[in-house]
Protein backbone atom coordinates (compact mmCIF):
# COMPACT_ATOMS: atom_id res chain seq x y z
CA MET A 1 -65.81 3.32 8.49
CA VAL A 2 -64.59 6.94 8.61
CA ILE A 3 -62.30 8.14 11.40
CA ASN A 4 -61.64 11.86 11.88
CA LEU A 5 -58.31 11.96 13.72
CA SER A 6 -58.99 15.54 14.81
CA ASP A 7 -61.71 14.14 17.07
CA GLN A 8 -59.12 12.04 18.90
CA HIS A 9 -55.83 13.96 18.85
CA SER A 10 -55.38 17.61 19.79
CA LEU A 11 -51.96 17.57 18.10
CA VAL A 12 -53.55 16.60 14.78
CA THR A 13 -55.84 19.64 14.97
CA ASN A 14 -52.76 21.83 15.46
CA TRP A 15 -50.99 20.33 12.45
CA VAL A 16 -54.07 20.57 10.23
CA SER A 17 -54.51 24.19 11.32
CA GLU A 18 -50.95 24.95 10.19
CA LEU A 19 -51.55 23.15 6.88
CA ARG A 20 -54.53 25.44 6.26
CA ASN A 21 -52.84 28.67 7.39
CA VAL A 22 -51.73 30.79 4.41
CA GLU A 23 -48.92 32.33 6.45
CA VAL A 24 -47.48 29.01 7.61
CA GLN A 25 -47.89 27.60 4.08
CA ASN A 26 -44.99 29.82 2.97
CA ASP A 27 -42.69 27.37 4.75
CA ARG A 28 -42.68 24.32 2.45
CA MET A 29 -40.59 22.25 4.81
CA ARG A 30 -43.08 22.89 7.63
CA PHE A 31 -45.95 21.99 5.31
CA ARG A 32 -44.33 18.68 4.33
CA ARG A 33 -43.46 17.89 7.94
CA ASN A 34 -47.04 18.44 9.10
CA LEU A 35 -48.29 16.04 6.42
CA GLU A 36 -45.63 13.59 7.58
CA ARG A 37 -46.77 13.90 11.19
CA ILE A 38 -50.36 13.13 10.24
CA GLY A 39 -49.07 10.08 8.38
CA GLU A 40 -47.25 8.95 11.51
CA ILE A 41 -50.36 9.27 13.68
CA ALA A 42 -52.45 7.45 11.07
CA ALA A 43 -49.92 4.62 10.89
CA TYR A 44 -49.95 4.29 14.67
CA GLU A 45 -53.75 4.16 14.80
CA ILE A 46 -54.02 1.71 11.90
CA SER A 47 -51.38 -0.52 13.49
CA LYS A 48 -53.82 -1.24 16.32
CA GLU A 49 -56.00 -3.06 13.77
CA LEU A 50 -53.27 -5.04 12.02
CA PRO A 51 -53.01 -8.78 12.78
CA TRP A 52 -50.18 -9.83 15.08
CA GLU A 53 -48.52 -13.01 16.24
CA THR A 54 -46.57 -13.99 19.35
CA VAL A 55 -42.85 -14.56 18.80
CA ASP A 56 -40.25 -15.58 21.38
CA VAL A 57 -37.46 -13.00 21.49
CA GLN A 58 -34.09 -13.71 23.08
CA THR A 59 -32.97 -10.96 25.46
CA PRO A 60 -29.60 -10.87 27.30
CA MET A 61 -31.43 -12.16 30.37
CA GLY A 62 -33.91 -14.66 28.96
CA ILE A 63 -36.86 -15.15 26.60
CA HIS A 64 -39.74 -12.72 26.09
CA SER A 65 -42.97 -13.54 24.24
CA SER A 66 -43.43 -10.45 22.06
CA LYS A 67 -46.33 -9.40 19.86
CA LEU A 68 -45.17 -8.68 16.32
CA LEU A 69 -47.02 -7.90 13.10
CA ALA A 70 -48.05 -11.14 11.46
CA GLN A 71 -47.69 -9.55 8.02
CA GLN A 72 -46.32 -6.26 6.76
CA PRO A 73 -48.84 -3.98 5.03
CA VAL A 74 -48.39 -2.42 1.60
CA LEU A 75 -48.12 1.39 1.66
CA ILE A 76 -49.26 2.99 -1.58
CA THR A 77 -49.26 6.69 -2.38
CA ILE A 78 -50.65 8.82 -5.18
CA LEU A 79 -47.87 10.90 -6.71
CA ARG A 80 -46.74 13.58 -6.10
CA ALA A 81 -48.71 15.19 -3.30
CA GLY A 82 -48.96 12.00 -1.27
CA LEU A 83 -45.22 11.57 -0.75
CA PRO A 84 -44.87 13.38 2.63
CA LEU A 85 -47.94 11.61 4.04
CA HIS A 86 -46.55 8.31 2.75
CA GLN A 87 -43.17 9.01 4.35
CA GLY A 88 -44.83 9.62 7.70
CA MET A 89 -46.47 6.19 7.59
CA LEU A 90 -43.21 4.62 6.43
CA ASN A 91 -41.43 6.18 9.43
CA TYR A 92 -43.55 3.94 11.66
CA LEU A 93 -44.33 0.97 9.41
CA ASP A 94 -40.71 0.90 8.32
CA LYS A 95 -40.70 -2.72 7.09
CA ALA A 96 -43.76 -2.29 4.87
CA ASP A 97 -43.73 -2.92 1.14
CA ASN A 98 -44.42 0.13 -1.02
CA GLY A 99 -46.31 1.02 -4.18
CA PHE A 100 -46.77 4.18 -6.23
CA VAL A 101 -49.59 5.41 -8.44
CA SER A 102 -49.71 8.33 -10.85
CA ALA A 103 -53.30 9.59 -10.88
CA TYR A 104 -54.09 13.19 -11.69
CA ARG A 105 -56.77 15.50 -13.01
CA LYS A 106 -56.60 16.09 -16.75
CA HIS A 107 -58.44 19.36 -17.26
CA ASN A 108 -60.64 20.04 -20.30
CA ARG A 109 -61.21 23.40 -21.94
CA ASP A 110 -64.77 23.57 -20.63
CA GLY A 111 -63.52 23.46 -17.04
CA SER A 112 -64.35 19.80 -16.46
CA PHE A 113 -61.69 17.19 -15.79
CA GLU A 114 -61.01 13.49 -16.16
CA ILE A 115 -58.81 11.28 -14.00
CA SER A 116 -55.76 9.96 -15.79
CA LEU A 117 -54.17 6.85 -14.26
CA ASP A 118 -50.85 6.54 -16.06
CA TYR A 119 -48.67 4.45 -13.77
CA VAL A 120 -49.12 1.74 -11.16
CA SER A 121 -46.11 0.12 -9.48
CA CYS A 122 -46.79 -2.22 -6.57
CA PRO A 123 -45.82 -5.56 -5.04
CA PRO A 124 -48.26 -8.52 -5.12
CA LEU A 125 -51.47 -7.43 -3.38
CA ASP A 126 -53.37 -10.68 -2.95
CA SER A 127 -54.44 -11.15 0.68
CA ARG A 128 -52.37 -8.11 1.75
CA ILE A 129 -53.49 -5.12 3.83
CA VAL A 130 -53.18 -2.04 1.63
CA ILE A 131 -52.91 1.53 2.98
CA ILE A 132 -53.33 4.31 0.40
CA SER A 133 -52.19 7.86 1.16
CA ASP A 134 -53.58 10.91 -0.63
CA PRO A 135 -53.54 14.23 1.24
CA MET A 136 -56.75 15.61 -0.28
CA LEU A 137 -59.83 13.44 -0.72
CA ALA A 138 -61.97 15.94 -2.65
CA THR A 139 -64.36 14.57 -5.27
CA GLY A 140 -63.07 11.04 -4.64
CA ALA A 141 -62.74 10.36 -8.37
CA SER A 142 -58.97 9.83 -8.39
CA LEU A 143 -59.12 7.59 -5.34
CA VAL A 144 -61.91 5.45 -6.84
CA LYS A 145 -59.89 5.02 -10.03
CA THR A 146 -56.75 4.24 -8.03
CA ILE A 147 -58.52 1.55 -6.00
CA ALA A 148 -59.91 0.02 -9.21
CA GLY A 149 -56.42 0.02 -10.70
CA LEU A 150 -54.97 -1.68 -7.64
CA LYS A 151 -57.72 -4.29 -7.54
CA ALA A 152 -56.85 -5.10 -11.14
CA GLU A 153 -53.38 -6.05 -9.85
CA GLY A 154 -54.63 -8.27 -7.01
CA THR A 155 -57.21 -8.79 -4.29
CA PRO A 156 -56.23 -7.11 -1.01
CA ALA A 157 -57.46 -8.49 2.31
CA ALA A 158 -58.35 -4.94 3.40
CA ILE A 159 -57.90 -1.37 2.18
CA HIS A 160 -57.31 1.69 4.35
CA VAL A 161 -57.19 5.26 3.01
CA VAL A 162 -55.32 8.08 4.75
CA ALA A 163 -56.03 11.73 3.90
CA ALA A 164 -55.00 14.96 5.58
CA ILE A 165 -58.33 16.55 4.67
CA ALA A 166 -61.37 14.82 3.17
CA CYS A 167 -64.65 16.16 1.84
CA THR A 168 -67.93 14.47 2.66
CA THR A 169 -68.72 14.33 -1.08
CA GLY A 170 -65.56 12.36 -1.81
CA ILE A 171 -66.11 10.06 1.15
CA GLU A 172 -69.60 9.19 -0.10
CA LEU A 173 -68.31 8.51 -3.63
CA VAL A 174 -65.61 6.16 -2.32
CA LYS A 175 -68.15 4.31 -0.20
CA ALA A 176 -70.59 4.04 -3.12
CA GLN A 177 -68.16 3.02 -5.85
CA ALA A 178 -65.20 1.40 -4.08
CA GLY A 179 -66.98 -0.35 -1.22
CA GLU A 180 -68.33 0.26 2.27
CA ASP A 181 -65.57 -1.94 3.71
CA ILE A 182 -62.84 0.60 2.92
CA LYS A 183 -61.76 2.43 6.08
CA ILE A 184 -60.94 6.13 5.69
CA TRP A 185 -58.68 7.93 8.18
CA CYS A 186 -58.74 11.75 7.93
CA GLY A 187 -56.86 14.56 9.59
CA ASP A 188 -60.09 16.54 9.27
CA ILE A 189 -63.31 16.59 7.24
CA ASP A 190 -64.81 19.54 5.32
CA ASP A 191 -68.29 19.65 3.78
CA GLU A 192 -67.95 21.86 0.70
CA LEU A 193 -66.49 21.59 -2.80
CA THR A 194 -66.06 24.34 -5.38
CA ALA A 195 -67.41 23.95 -8.93
CA LYS A 196 -63.90 22.89 -9.95
CA GLY A 197 -63.76 20.17 -7.29
CA TYR A 198 -61.56 21.83 -4.66
CA ILE A 199 -62.26 21.43 -0.94
CA VAL A 200 -63.55 24.47 0.98
CA PRO A 201 -62.11 25.70 3.29
CA GLY A 202 -59.49 23.02 2.56
CA LEU A 203 -55.91 24.20 2.22
CA GLY A 204 -55.29 24.72 -1.50
CA ASP A 205 -53.15 22.51 -3.74
CA ALA A 206 -51.18 20.17 -1.46
CA GLY A 207 -48.73 19.16 -4.20
CA ASP A 208 -47.86 22.76 -5.07
CA LEU A 209 -47.53 23.74 -1.41
CA ALA A 210 -45.23 20.80 -0.69
CA PHE A 211 -43.08 20.84 -3.82
CA GLY A 212 -43.72 24.02 -5.83
CA THR A 213 -46.07 24.93 -8.65
CA LYS A 214 -46.31 22.69 -11.70
CA MET A 215 -47.25 23.20 -15.33
CA GLN A 216 -50.93 22.51 -15.99
CA SER A 217 -51.79 19.79 -18.51
């Protein structure tokens, strides 16, 4: 249930390449826009799997039986780094409901970290299709905790995850702890993590590159 969009779209490989490039990373607006583009492609691909219904639409010349989404999905992002990716999906799934989660690494003095889930704001999730955006799926710990937090709010019909870059370690953790039925859509997949849980070669800190450096907690 893992789809690497770089295997299907040459444009995605170009955008991911620019996200990784230290010279292009100096342009924050370009960095955010590339994340947004990946979100748009992911939304388009996911839309092919969303349920639809036939609705008669009145045109100036007659009636057309059109296929429309039977239900709008719920787009949820992990603050703050996920915002551009989320916006890209919202550009296409523009009638979707939205939710926001604050999940971040709380670093300890010994170099280890814990995931702090401080804030969950979402519409009712029962029987809804949920699409979670997080640009970097590294260890998978924050995503697993986010999914658990969302399931505490309701029981989605299906969950999709969209990441710009994912690590195989994180993918396996999500599958093991959050469920094999979760579908993961990635701009690309890397195989290595550092001791501190950062993806290699990855692209660095997506939140800092999109919005500027932050104070460490």
